[in-house]
Amino acid sequence: MVAIKPPIQIKTPANLKRAVTYILKEAKTVLPMKTKTDFPFPIVSKNGKLHFQLVSGHQIEDVSIADEEMILTKLAAAFHKGDDDLKELTDNKQVLAHHIIQSFSPEDNLTPEQVHEIGRKTMLEFLGPDYQFVIATHTDRDHLHNHIIVNTTNSSTLKKLRWQKNTLKNLRAISDKHAAKYGAKIIEPTMKNSYTKYSAWRRQNNFRYELKQRLDFLLKHSTSLEDFKEKAKALEVQIDFSGKFVKYRLLTPLDGKLQERNTRDDTLSKKRLYTLEKIKERVSKNQLTVPTSNIKEMYQQYREEKELDFELKLDVASWQVEQESPKGIYLQLDMGALDSGTILIPSHKVDKKEDGSYTIYIKEKDYFYFLNPDYSEKNRYMMGVTVARQLAKQNGEVLITKNPHISSMRELIKEYNFLVQHGVTDGEQFSHLEERFNQKIADVEKELKRLDGRLARYHKIEGALLALEKTPENTLPALQLLDEMDLPRDVSLSDVSQLIRQYDIEKGALQEFFNDTLREYTNYRELQDVVRVREQAHKHALEEKRL
């Protein structure tokens, strides 16, 4: 929601003093006293008038000498470590403090006090209660921004704050959560590679991901290499066939950014699906496609349908929602003792119902960032399936799983109907589609057997857990069964019952869809056979008349 660049590392006491002096400058931090505020900001005189100064500290007695108080903490740490030479303070190699800048959009319409409070709450959650920091809100630019200087020495344990690979991600996610309460807008960081590859929203804004989506669509809807090239232009994909590798570039901006470098075919697919030879081979099998003038509209429709697709569906009670923001909903998630926090479900994955509850639609391999407000070191990415099951466990709702075979089979049916409606019922394109369709039927039959196997396994576990709870005489065989199935002893009956309901619904939906599809397919094939027999009989009758 706000821009936070990587922190500036401060490695000498002199630089620490300079940094504190700079961020506390009155010309940048004062606010007329006529403005109402509930925060106990210091009062200073400027041009003969009293002003609030938008500065505060945590575990700092006097912000004007915050650098000296931080040095005193480091001296205590050196004494306890037996560092008589005070290496941390004298060798100019140790990071004494981090200087963090948190910037807000001018369009946010936030007050300086609100910006200051967002920064203060962000740092308290990020650091916990035992790190010293001083924060100053600057009002001298067209955008409000906080300058925050953090002592790297914990005032309780005297251990150093380690800025690691995921530390900045943690800080940004915490900042987003607190800024969302005030409706702050998103400002993207300007540094390259600053966005994560893990979340679904980022994957939708990844050039390689989008290129593959468009190329796969073009391979299905082109009949020749020239047709492929023309439709690629219509979908704003630039292609260079001149070298050893085919090079692609997306000309459509994603999230306001243009792709700067070409992407080679070998980086898009390990199987080299987008080489010149593979493209020629694939499109030569197609007999019927949509015209170039309609390809962009069809692709947009395809993407919209795909975005609306889901694998996991769950109703969420209003009490599970910590806050609602334009960006989405923050859900409370309890992962065990001392591991409770929130995750953000983006708004495009949420429907709000009239009774105030919500329905969320996510995919098993979606990633969500878990924020523990008390222990930020426990912040981490969690897969969609883990999040959904934990939420369902908390509120007792049944988790509805849509098997991915339903979506893939539905796509094949759409392709099949498109060809049949246009009279294409033979040839290589139709034959290739029938091969894929028959393979999908075999795959779904295997999937149904797999789900049957899972249900049988969990019913056994359910029986063993019921025996432990209700029939003591069966305790020994029940424990033996659980050991043989390699299950933890703390697995609960409610967890198993929830999984059984989930798999039962998933299997039932897949079985029903499969039966309906197979029935329609079989009826069509039978009708096609009848037409073929009639055509052959008519042809035979005509030949007999000629004789």
Protein backbone atom coordinates (compact mmCIF):
# COMPACT_ATOMS: atom_id res chain seq x y z
CA MET A 1 0.00 0.00 0.00
CA VAL A 2 2.94 2.29 0.65
CA ALA A 3 6.39 2.38 -0.83
CA ILE A 4 9.20 1.14 1.39
CA LYS A 5 12.64 0.97 -0.17
CA PRO A 6 15.43 -1.17 1.27
CA PRO A 7 16.73 0.56 4.41
CA ILE A 8 19.83 2.72 4.53
CA GLN A 9 22.45 1.07 6.73
CA ILE A 10 24.09 3.31 9.31
CA LYS A 11 27.53 2.05 10.40
CA THR A 12 29.14 4.86 12.41
CA PRO A 13 28.01 6.88 15.44
CA ALA A 14 28.67 10.10 13.48
CA ASN A 15 26.35 9.02 10.67
CA LEU A 16 23.74 7.97 13.22
CA LYS A 17 23.81 11.46 14.74
CA ARG A 18 23.56 13.06 11.30
CA ALA A 19 20.60 10.87 10.36
CA VAL A 20 18.69 11.67 13.57
CA THR A 21 19.43 15.38 13.17
CA TYR A 22 18.19 15.31 9.58
CA ILE A 23 14.88 13.53 10.19
CA LEU A 24 14.06 15.80 13.18
CA LYS A 25 14.45 19.06 11.24
CA GLU A 26 11.65 21.39 12.27
CA ALA A 27 11.21 22.74 8.73
CA LYS A 28 10.12 19.25 7.66
CA THR A 29 8.13 18.04 10.67
CA VAL A 30 6.05 20.86 12.18
CA LEU A 31 2.27 21.25 12.14
CA PRO A 32 0.31 24.31 13.35
CA MET A 33 -1.18 23.84 16.82
CA LYS A 34 -4.63 24.84 15.54
CA THR A 35 -4.78 21.30 14.13
CA LYS A 36 -6.41 18.96 16.63
CA THR A 37 -4.44 15.86 17.61
CA ASP A 38 -4.76 13.23 20.32
CA PHE A 39 -1.10 12.25 20.03
CA PRO A 40 1.33 13.84 22.55
CA PHE A 41 3.66 15.38 19.99
CA PRO A 42 6.37 17.79 21.25
CA ILE A 43 5.53 21.49 21.00
CA VAL A 44 8.03 23.86 19.37
CA SER A 45 8.05 27.55 18.50
CA LYS A 46 8.36 28.61 14.88
CA ASN A 47 8.13 32.24 13.71
CA GLY A 48 6.76 33.18 17.11
CA LYS A 49 3.95 30.63 16.93
CA LEU A 50 3.54 27.27 18.63
CA HIS A 51 3.56 24.13 16.49
CA PHE A 52 3.34 20.40 16.98
CA GLN A 53 6.45 18.52 15.83
CA LEU A 54 5.49 15.22 14.18
CA VAL A 55 8.13 13.12 15.91
CA SER A 56 8.00 10.34 18.47
CA GLY A 57 10.16 7.57 19.82
CA HIS A 58 9.77 4.10 21.24
CA GLN A 59 11.92 3.27 24.25
CA ILE A 60 13.47 6.71 23.70
CA GLU A 61 13.27 9.23 26.55
CA ASP A 62 14.27 12.29 24.50
CA VAL A 63 13.97 12.09 20.70
CA SER A 64 16.42 14.98 20.25
CA ILE A 65 19.23 12.74 21.54
CA ALA A 66 17.83 9.44 20.21
CA ASP A 67 21.22 8.56 18.68
CA GLU A 68 22.95 8.89 22.07
CA GLU A 69 20.35 6.71 23.80
CA MET A 70 20.84 4.05 21.10
CA ILE A 71 24.61 4.17 21.63
CA LEU A 72 24.10 3.65 25.38
CA THR A 73 22.15 0.46 24.63
CA LYS A 74 25.01 -0.74 22.45
CA LEU A 75 27.51 0.01 25.21
CA ALA A 76 25.48 -2.23 27.56
CA ALA A 77 25.53 -4.97 24.90
CA ALA A 78 29.30 -4.63 24.48
CA PHE A 79 29.81 -4.88 28.26
CA HIS A 80 27.76 -8.10 28.47
CA LYS A 81 29.61 -9.61 25.51
CA GLY A 82 32.98 -8.70 26.97
CA ASP A 83 33.74 -6.42 24.02
CA ASP A 84 36.15 -4.04 25.74
CA ASP A 85 37.34 -2.67 22.39
CA LEU A 86 33.80 -1.62 21.42
CA LYS A 87 34.30 -3.07 17.93
CA GLU A 88 30.70 -2.49 16.90
CA LEU A 89 31.07 1.23 17.48
CA THR A 90 34.59 1.68 16.17
CA ASP A 91 35.31 -0.61 13.21
CA ASN A 92 32.74 1.08 10.90
CA LYS A 93 31.65 -2.34 9.58
CA GLN A 94 28.76 -3.21 11.89
CA VAL A 95 25.23 -1.95 11.14
CA LEU A 96 24.31 0.24 14.09
CA ALA A 97 20.89 1.30 12.83
CA HIS A 98 18.53 1.07 9.86
CA HIS A 99 17.06 4.20 8.28
CA ILE A 100 13.66 3.29 6.78
CA ILE A 101 11.55 5.57 4.58
CA GLN A 102 7.81 4.87 4.29
CA SER A 103 6.14 6.95 1.52
CA PHE A 104 2.44 7.59 0.88
CA SER A 105 0.53 8.67 -2.22
CA PRO A 106 -0.57 12.35 -2.42
CA GLU A 107 -3.99 11.00 -3.41
CA ASP A 108 -4.52 9.21 -0.10
CA ASN A 109 -6.00 12.24 1.67
CA LEU A 110 -4.40 11.11 4.91
CA THR A 111 -3.55 13.55 7.67
CA PRO A 112 0.05 13.80 8.89
CA GLU A 113 -1.12 12.36 12.23
CA GLN A 114 -2.61 9.32 10.47
CA VAL A 115 0.57 8.76 8.48
CA HIS A 116 2.61 8.99 11.68
CA GLU A 117 0.31 6.50 13.42
CA ILE A 118 0.53 4.05 10.51
CA GLY A 119 4.32 4.20 10.74
CA ARG A 120 4.31 3.76 14.52
CA LYS A 121 1.96 0.75 14.45
CA THR A 122 3.90 -0.79 11.57
CA MET A 123 7.19 -0.62 13.45
CA LEU A 124 5.75 -1.91 16.73
CA GLU A 125 4.36 -4.99 14.97
CA PHE A 126 7.46 -5.44 12.83
CA LEU A 127 9.99 -5.10 15.65
CA GLY A 128 8.05 -6.06 18.76
CA PRO A 129 8.31 -4.03 21.98
CA ASP A 130 12.06 -4.32 22.59
CA TYR A 131 13.76 -2.28 19.87
CA GLN A 132 14.37 1.46 20.07
CA PHE A 133 13.22 3.58 17.18
CA VAL A 134 12.50 7.21 16.39
CA ILE A 135 9.97 8.24 13.75
CA ALA A 136 9.49 11.60 12.06
CA THR A 137 6.73 12.46 9.60
CA HIS A 138 7.90 14.87 6.88
CA THR A 139 5.38 17.25 5.34
CA ASP A 140 7.71 19.27 3.08
CA ARG A 141 7.08 17.26 -0.11
CA ASP A 142 3.96 16.72 -2.20
CA HIS A 143 3.65 13.30 -0.55
CA LEU A 144 3.75 12.58 3.17
CA HIS A 145 6.47 10.17 4.29
CA ASN A 146 7.89 8.76 7.49
CA HIS A 147 11.58 8.59 8.31
CA ILE A 148 12.26 5.85 10.86
CA ILE A 149 15.60 5.04 12.48
CA VAL A 150 15.82 1.68 14.24
CA ASN A 151 18.52 0.60 16.68
CA THR A 152 19.74 -2.85 15.63
CA THR A 153 20.36 -3.87 19.27
CA ASN A 154 17.46 -5.37 21.18
CA SER A 155 17.15 -3.46 24.45
CA SER A 156 16.01 -6.57 26.33
CA THR A 157 18.13 -9.43 24.97
CA LEU A 158 20.95 -7.17 23.66
CA LYS A 159 21.01 -9.32 20.50
CA LYS A 160 21.32 -7.85 17.00
CA LEU A 161 18.45 -7.43 14.55
CA ARG A 162 19.29 -9.53 11.49
CA TRP A 163 18.07 -8.10 8.19
CA GLN A 164 17.56 -11.24 6.13
CA LYS A 165 16.14 -12.25 2.75
CA ASN A 166 12.47 -11.97 3.72
CA THR A 167 12.73 -9.12 6.24
CA LEU A 168 11.74 -6.41 3.77
CA LYS A 169 8.77 -8.50 2.58
CA ASN A 170 7.62 -8.79 6.19
CA LEU A 171 7.90 -5.05 6.71
CA ARG A 172 5.99 -4.20 3.51
CA ALA A 173 3.20 -6.66 4.26
CA ILE A 174 2.76 -5.30 7.80
CA SER A 175 2.80 -1.74 6.46
CA ASP A 176 0.14 -2.62 3.87
CA LYS A 177 -2.13 -4.07 6.54
CA HIS A 178 -2.05 -0.97 8.74
CA ALA A 179 -2.28 1.44 5.79
CA ALA A 180 -5.35 -0.45 4.51
CA LYS A 181 -7.32 0.63 7.57
CA TYR A 182 -6.96 4.22 6.39
CA GLY A 183 -7.64 3.51 2.71
CA ALA A 184 -4.11 4.31 1.57
CA LYS A 185 -3.37 3.63 -2.11
CA ILE A 186 -0.73 1.35 -3.55
CA ILE A 187 2.59 2.85 -4.58
CA GLU A 188 4.82 0.32 -6.27
CA PRO A 189 8.51 0.30 -5.30
CA THR A 190 10.70 1.64 -8.07
CA MET A 191 13.56 -0.82 -7.72
CA LYS A 192 13.77 -3.71 -10.18
CA ASN A 193 12.65 -7.17 -9.10
CA SER A 194 10.95 -5.67 -6.07
CA TYR A 195 7.76 -7.67 -6.46
CA THR A 196 7.43 -11.27 -5.32
CA LYS A 197 6.97 -14.14 -7.71
CA TYR A 198 4.86 -16.07 -5.23
CA SER A 199 1.44 -14.42 -5.00
CA ALA A 200 -1.33 -14.97 -7.49
CA TRP A 201 -1.68 -11.25 -8.14
CA ARG A 202 1.99 -11.05 -9.07
CA ARG A 203 1.74 -14.12 -11.27
CA GLN A 204 -1.02 -12.39 -13.20
CA ASN A 205 1.40 -9.49 -13.74
CA ASN A 206 4.37 -11.65 -14.75
CA PHE A 207 5.47 -11.26 -18.36
CA ARG A 208 6.45 -14.90 -18.86
CA TYR A 209 3.22 -16.14 -17.35
CA GLU A 210 1.15 -13.84 -19.59
CA LEU A 211 3.21 -14.72 -22.69
CA LYS A 212 2.58 -18.43 -22.15
CA GLN A 213 -1.16 -17.79 -21.73
CA ARG A 214 -1.31 -15.94 -25.04
CA LEU A 215 0.92 -18.36 -26.94
CA ASP A 216 -1.06 -21.39 -25.76
CA PHE A 217 -4.25 -19.68 -26.92
CA LEU A 218 -2.70 -18.85 -30.30
CA LEU A 219 -1.53 -22.43 -30.82
CA LYS A 220 -5.14 -23.59 -30.49
CA HIS A 221 -6.54 -20.91 -32.79
CA SER A 222 -4.07 -20.72 -35.71
CA THR A 223 -4.00 -22.83 -38.87
CA SER A 224 -0.59 -21.86 -40.24
CA LEU A 225 2.58 -20.06 -39.26
CA GLU A 226 1.43 -16.90 -41.06
CA ASP A 227 -1.94 -17.08 -39.30
CA PHE A 228 -0.08 -17.53 -36.00
CA LYS A 229 2.03 -14.42 -36.69
CA GLU A 230 -0.95 -12.26 -37.61
CA LYS A 231 -2.92 -13.27 -34.53
CA ALA A 232 0.14 -12.77 -32.34
CA LYS A 233 0.21 -9.14 -33.53
CA ALA A 234 -3.47 -8.80 -32.66
CA LEU A 235 -2.70 -10.06 -29.14
CA GLU A 236 0.29 -7.67 -28.89
CA VAL A 237 2.95 -10.38 -28.86
CA GLN A 238 6.15 -9.51 -30.76
CA ILE A 239 7.97 -12.54 -32.22
CA ASP A 240 11.50 -12.77 -33.62
CA PHE A 241 12.27 -15.97 -35.59
CA SER A 242 15.65 -14.76 -36.87
CA GLY A 243 17.99 -16.49 -34.43
CA LYS A 244 18.68 -19.92 -32.97
CA PHE A 245 15.97 -19.33 -30.37
CA VAL A 246 12.57 -17.78 -30.97
CA LYS A 247 12.33 -14.53 -28.96
CA TYR A 248 9.08 -13.16 -27.60
CA ARG A 249 8.10 -9.82 -26.11
CA LEU A 250 4.77 -8.74 -24.67
CA LEU A 251 3.82 -5.28 -25.92
CA THR A 252 0.94 -4.88 -23.46
CA PRO A 253 1.93 -3.03 -20.27
CA LEU A 254 1.38 -5.03 -17.10
CA ASP A 255 0.76 -3.02 -13.97
CA GLY A 256 1.95 0.07 -15.84
CA LYS A 257 5.28 -1.52 -16.87
CA LEU A 258 6.52 -2.66 -20.27
CA GLN A 259 8.61 -5.76 -20.85
CA GLU A 260 12.14 -4.47 -21.38
CA ARG A 261 13.89 -7.61 -22.63
CA ASN A 262 12.91 -10.41 -24.98
CA THR A 263 12.07 -13.83 -23.57
CA ARG A 264 13.62 -16.85 -25.31
CA ASP A 265 11.51 -19.92 -26.08
CA ASP A 266 13.73 -22.18 -23.93
CA THR A 267 12.99 -20.08 -20.83
CA LEU A 268 9.23 -20.33 -21.44
CA SER A 269 9.15 -24.12 -21.69
CA LYS A 270 11.64 -26.82 -20.75
CA LYS A 271 9.92 -29.02 -23.35
CA ARG A 272 10.61 -26.32 -25.99
CA LEU A 273 6.91 -26.03 -26.86
CA TYR A 274 7.36 -22.59 -28.43
CA THR A 275 10.14 -23.26 -30.95
CA LEU A 276 9.54 -22.58 -34.64
CA GLU A 277 9.35 -26.32 -35.39
CA LYS A 278 6.86 -26.98 -32.57
CA ILE A 279 4.66 -24.07 -33.63
CA LYS A 280 4.54 -25.32 -37.24
CA GLU A 281 3.80 -28.86 -36.06
CA ARG A 282 1.03 -27.78 -33.69
CA VAL A 283 -0.84 -25.32 -35.94
CA SER A 284 -0.70 -27.68 -38.96
CA LYS A 285 -3.15 -29.94 -37.10
CA ASN A 286 -5.80 -27.19 -36.89
CA GLN A 287 -8.44 -26.93 -39.61
CA LEU A 288 -10.84 -24.39 -38.14
CA THR A 289 -10.18 -21.28 -36.08
CA VAL A 290 -11.69 -17.89 -35.38
CA PRO A 291 -10.75 -14.96 -37.64
CA THR A 292 -7.97 -12.58 -36.62
CA SER A 293 -10.48 -9.76 -36.15
CA ASN A 294 -12.13 -11.68 -33.27
CA ILE A 295 -9.04 -13.18 -31.63
CA LYS A 296 -8.50 -10.40 -29.05
CA GLU A 297 -12.12 -10.48 -27.91
CA MET A 298 -12.05 -14.27 -27.62
CA TYR A 299 -8.82 -14.17 -25.63
CA GLN A 300 -10.24 -11.63 -23.17
CA GLN A 301 -13.29 -13.82 -22.68
CA TYR A 302 -11.06 -16.86 -22.15
CA ARG A 303 -8.95 -15.01 -19.54
CA GLU A 304 -12.02 -13.72 -17.68
CA GLU A 305 -13.47 -17.22 -17.47
CA LYS A 306 -10.14 -18.57 -16.27
CA GLU A 307 -9.81 -15.86 -13.61
CA LEU A 308 -13.28 -16.68 -12.28
CA ASP A 309 -12.36 -20.35 -12.03
CA PHE A 310 -11.56 -21.73 -8.59
CA GLU A 311 -10.55 -24.95 -6.88
CA LEU A 312 -11.56 -24.22 -3.28
CA LYS A 313 -14.73 -22.47 -2.15
CA LEU A 314 -15.47 -21.59 1.46
CA ASP A 315 -17.94 -19.45 3.39
CA VAL A 316 -16.24 -17.18 5.94
CA ALA A 317 -18.05 -15.77 8.95
CA SER A 318 -17.91 -12.04 9.66
CA TRP A 319 -16.17 -12.70 13.00
CA GLN A 320 -13.23 -14.21 11.11
CA VAL A 321 -12.63 -10.91 9.30
CA GLU A 322 -10.29 -8.57 11.16
CA GLN A 323 -10.80 -5.76 8.67
CA GLU A 324 -12.22 -5.08 5.22
CA SER A 325 -10.39 -2.76 2.84
CA PRO A 326 -10.56 -1.85 -0.85
CA LYS A 327 -7.68 -4.28 -1.36
CA GLY A 328 -9.54 -7.24 0.15
CA ILE A 329 -10.28 -8.78 3.55
CA TYR A 330 -7.81 -9.59 6.31
CA LEU A 331 -8.81 -12.88 7.92
CA GLN A 332 -7.84 -14.05 11.38
CA LEU A 333 -5.97 -17.35 11.23
CA ASP A 334 -5.01 -19.46 14.22
CA MET A 335 -2.17 -21.85 13.38
CA GLY A 336 -1.56 -23.01 16.95
CA ALA A 337 -0.13 -21.78 20.22
CA LEU A 338 1.69 -18.45 19.84
CA ASP A 339 1.07 -18.52 16.09
CA SER A 340 -2.03 -16.48 15.37
CA GLY A 341 -2.27 -13.73 12.81
CA THR A 342 -3.93 -12.53 9.63
CA ILE A 343 -3.83 -13.15 5.89
CA LEU A 344 -5.09 -10.95 3.08
CA ILE A 345 -7.57 -12.46 0.62
CA PRO A 346 -7.59 -10.11 -2.42
CA SER A 347 -10.95 -8.58 -3.28
CA HIS A 348 -11.15 -10.35 -6.67
CA LYS A 349 -11.31 -13.65 -4.77
CA VAL A 350 -14.11 -12.55 -2.42
CA ASP A 351 -17.90 -12.16 -2.62
CA LYS A 352 -19.61 -10.31 0.21
CA LYS A 353 -23.06 -11.65 1.04
CA GLU A 354 -26.11 -9.73 2.25
CA ASP A 355 -25.84 -11.11 5.80
CA GLY A 356 -22.33 -9.64 6.18
CA SER A 357 -20.47 -12.93 5.73
CA TYR A 358 -18.18 -13.69 2.79
CA THR A 359 -17.49 -16.42 0.25
CA ILE A 360 -13.89 -16.85 -0.89
CA TYR A 361 -12.72 -18.60 -4.06
CA ILE A 362 -9.07 -19.66 -4.15
CA LYS A 363 -6.79 -22.22 -5.74
CA GLU A 364 -4.75 -24.86 -3.95
CA LYS A 365 -1.45 -23.42 -5.18
CA ASP A 366 -2.32 -19.79 -4.54
CA TYR A 367 0.06 -18.20 -2.03
CA PHE A 368 -0.99 -15.96 0.85
CA TYR A 369 1.25 -14.09 3.26
CA PHE A 370 0.61 -14.88 6.94
CA LEU A 371 1.27 -12.01 9.36
CA ASN A 372 1.83 -12.78 13.03
CA PRO A 373 1.48 -9.40 14.82
CA ASP A 374 3.36 -10.56 17.93
CA TYR A 375 6.16 -12.57 16.34
CA SER A 376 7.04 -11.14 12.93
CA GLU A 377 9.76 -13.78 12.49
CA LYS A 378 6.90 -16.27 12.04
CA ASN A 379 5.51 -14.38 9.03
CA ARG A 380 5.54 -16.65 6.00
CA TYR A 381 3.86 -17.70 2.76
CA MET A 382 1.10 -20.29 3.01
CA MET A 383 -0.50 -22.30 0.22
CA GLY A 384 -4.18 -21.85 -0.54
CA VAL A 385 -5.12 -25.39 0.47
CA THR A 386 -3.58 -24.92 3.95
CA VAL A 387 -5.31 -21.58 4.44
CA ALA A 388 -8.70 -22.90 3.32
CA ARG A 389 -8.56 -25.98 5.54
CA GLN A 390 -7.54 -23.96 8.57
CA LEU A 391 -10.33 -21.43 8.03
CA ALA A 392 -12.85 -24.24 7.59
CA LYS A 393 -11.59 -25.87 10.78
CA GLN A 394 -12.09 -22.60 12.67
CA ASN A 395 -15.68 -21.96 11.60
CA GLY A 396 -16.96 -25.50 10.99
CA GLU A 397 -17.96 -24.78 7.37
CA VAL A 398 -17.55 -27.45 4.69
CA LEU A 399 -14.70 -26.73 2.32
CA ILE A 400 -15.89 -27.25 -1.26
CA THR A 401 -13.18 -28.49 -3.61
CA LYS A 402 -13.67 -28.32 -7.36
CA ASN A 403 -11.48 -30.96 -8.93
CA PRO A 404 -9.18 -29.46 -11.61
CA HIS A 405 -10.26 -32.17 -14.06
CA ILE A 406 -13.66 -30.43 -14.28
CA SER A 407 -12.09 -27.25 -15.66
CA SER A 408 -9.80 -29.03 -18.11
CA MET A 409 -12.61 -31.28 -19.34
CA ARG A 410 -14.90 -28.27 -19.76
CA GLU A 411 -12.25 -26.64 -21.99
CA LEU A 412 -12.11 -29.77 -24.17
CA ILE A 413 -15.90 -29.81 -24.44
CA LYS A 414 -15.90 -26.18 -25.63
CA GLU A 415 -13.29 -27.01 -28.29
CA TYR A 416 -15.25 -30.11 -29.31
CA ASN A 417 -18.55 -28.23 -29.63
CA PHE A 418 -16.86 -25.42 -31.62
CA LEU A 419 -15.60 -27.90 -34.23
CA VAL A 420 -18.84 -29.88 -34.44
CA GLN A 421 -20.96 -26.73 -34.79
CA HIS A 422 -18.84 -25.72 -37.78
CA GLY A 423 -19.01 -29.14 -39.40
CA VAL A 424 -15.47 -30.26 -38.67
CA THR A 425 -15.85 -33.91 -37.58
CA ASP A 426 -12.80 -35.46 -39.18
CA GLY A 427 -9.25 -34.53 -40.11
CA GLU A 428 -6.15 -34.14 -37.96
CA GLN A 429 -7.48 -31.34 -35.73
CA PHE A 430 -10.60 -33.30 -34.80
CA SER A 431 -8.64 -36.52 -34.43
CA HIS A 432 -6.11 -34.83 -32.14
CA LEU A 433 -8.93 -33.40 -30.02
CA GLU A 434 -10.61 -36.80 -29.74
CA GLU A 435 -7.32 -38.32 -28.59
CA ARG A 436 -7.02 -35.66 -25.86
CA PHE A 437 -10.66 -36.12 -24.91
CA ASN A 438 -10.32 -39.91 -24.61
CA GLN A 439 -7.13 -39.45 -22.57
CA LYS A 440 -8.99 -37.05 -20.29
CA ILE A 441 -11.76 -39.63 -19.79
CA ALA A 442 -9.12 -42.18 -18.74
CA ASP A 443 -7.49 -39.61 -16.42
CA VAL A 444 -10.82 -38.77 -14.76
CA GLU A 445 -11.55 -42.45 -14.19
CA LYS A 446 -8.17 -42.74 -12.44
CA GLU A 447 -8.92 -39.60 -10.41
CA LEU A 448 -12.26 -41.01 -9.25
CA LYS A 449 -10.49 -44.19 -8.13
CA ARG A 450 -7.89 -42.06 -6.32
CA LEU A 451 -10.63 -40.17 -4.47
CA ASP A 452 -12.29 -43.47 -3.58
CA GLY A 453 -8.96 -44.61 -2.16
CA ARG A 454 -8.62 -41.43 -0.10
CA LEU A 455 -12.13 -41.76 1.27
CA ALA A 456 -11.48 -45.41 2.19
CA ARG A 457 -8.24 -44.40 3.95
CA TYR A 458 -9.86 -41.62 5.96
CA HIS A 459 -12.85 -43.77 6.86
CA LYS A 460 -10.39 -46.27 8.37
CA ILE A 461 -8.74 -43.47 10.32
CA GLU A 462 -12.14 -42.18 11.41
CA GLY A 463 -13.05 -45.65 12.67
CA ALA A 464 -9.79 -45.92 14.62
CA LEU A 465 -10.27 -42.51 16.25
CA LEU A 466 -13.87 -43.35 17.14
CA ALA A 467 -12.64 -46.56 18.74
CA LEU A 468 -10.15 -44.64 20.89
CA GLU A 469 -12.93 -42.32 21.97
CA LYS A 470 -15.85 -44.71 22.45
CA THR A 471 -14.70 -48.33 22.71
CA PRO A 472 -11.66 -48.76 25.02
CA GLU A 473 -11.49 -52.49 24.27
CA ASN A 474 -10.44 -51.62 20.69
CA THR A 475 -7.69 -49.18 21.72
CA LEU A 476 -4.74 -51.45 20.87
CA PRO A 477 -5.75 -52.32 17.27
CA ALA A 478 -6.79 -48.70 16.72
CA LEU A 479 -3.35 -47.42 17.79
CA GLN A 480 -1.64 -50.07 15.66
CA LEU A 481 -3.68 -48.99 12.64
CA LEU A 482 -2.82 -45.31 13.18
CA ASP A 483 0.88 -46.19 13.51
CA GLU A 484 0.78 -48.27 10.31
CA MET A 485 -0.84 -45.36 8.48
CA ASP A 486 1.98 -43.09 9.65
CA LEU A 487 -0.28 -40.54 11.31
CA PRO A 488 0.61 -38.22 14.18
CA ARG A 489 -0.99 -39.21 17.50
CA ASP A 490 -2.51 -35.76 17.90
CA VAL A 491 -4.66 -36.01 14.74
CA SER A 492 -8.24 -35.14 15.70
CA LEU A 493 -11.54 -36.74 14.75
CA SER A 494 -12.89 -33.35 13.65
CA ASP A 495 -9.96 -32.87 11.25
CA VAL A 496 -10.56 -36.26 9.67
CA SER A 497 -14.33 -35.76 9.46
CA GLN A 498 -13.75 -32.41 7.74
CA LEU A 499 -11.48 -34.05 5.15
CA ILE A 500 -14.02 -36.82 4.54
CA ARG A 501 -16.77 -34.26 3.88
CA GLN A 502 -14.43 -32.33 1.59
CA TYR A 503 -13.39 -35.37 -0.48
CA ASP A 504 -16.95 -36.69 -0.57
CA ILE A 505 -18.24 -33.41 -2.06
CA GLU A 506 -15.29 -33.23 -4.48
CA LYS A 507 -15.82 -36.79 -5.69
CA GLY A 508 -19.59 -36.35 -6.01
CA ALA A 509 -19.24 -33.19 -8.12
CA LEU A 510 -16.58 -34.77 -10.36
CA GLN A 511 -18.60 -37.98 -10.76
CA GLU A 512 -21.77 -36.07 -11.70
CA PHE A 513 -19.95 -33.86 -14.21
CA PHE A 514 -18.14 -36.87 -15.65
CA ASN A 515 -21.35 -38.89 -16.03
CA ASP A 516 -23.14 -35.99 -17.76
CA THR A 517 -20.22 -35.40 -20.10
CA LEU A 518 -19.82 -39.07 -20.94
CA ARG A 519 -23.56 -39.38 -21.60
CA GLU A 520 -23.57 -36.44 -24.01
CA TYR A 521 -20.39 -37.66 -25.71
CA THR A 522 -21.74 -41.18 -26.08
CA ASN A 523 -25.09 -39.95 -27.43
CA TYR A 524 -23.27 -37.78 -29.97
CA ARG A 525 -21.04 -40.67 -31.10
CA GLU A 526 -24.05 -42.96 -31.43
CA LEU A 527 -25.90 -40.32 -33.47
CA GLN A 528 -22.82 -39.85 -35.61
CA ASP A 529 -22.64 -43.62 -36.21
CA VAL A 530 -26.33 -43.70 -37.24
CA VAL A 531 -25.76 -40.84 -39.71
CA ARG A 532 -22.68 -42.59 -41.09
CA VAL A 533 -24.61 -45.88 -41.57
CA ARG A 534 -27.46 -44.03 -43.34
CA GLU A 535 -25.00 -42.23 -45.60
CA GLN A 536 -23.31 -45.51 -46.48
CA ALA A 537 -26.70 -47.19 -47.15
CA HIS A 538 -27.78 -44.29 -49.35
CA LYS A 539 -24.48 -44.41 -51.24
CA HIS A 540 -24.85 -48.18 -51.69
CA ALA A 541 -28.43 -47.76 -53.00
CA LEU A 542 -27.29 -45.17 -55.54
CA GLU A 543 -24.54 -47.48 -56.76
CA GLU A 544 -27.04 -50.34 -57.18
CA LYS A 545 -29.33 -48.10 -59.25
CA ARG A 546 -26.42 -47.26 -61.55
CA LEU A 547 -25.79 -50.97 -62.05
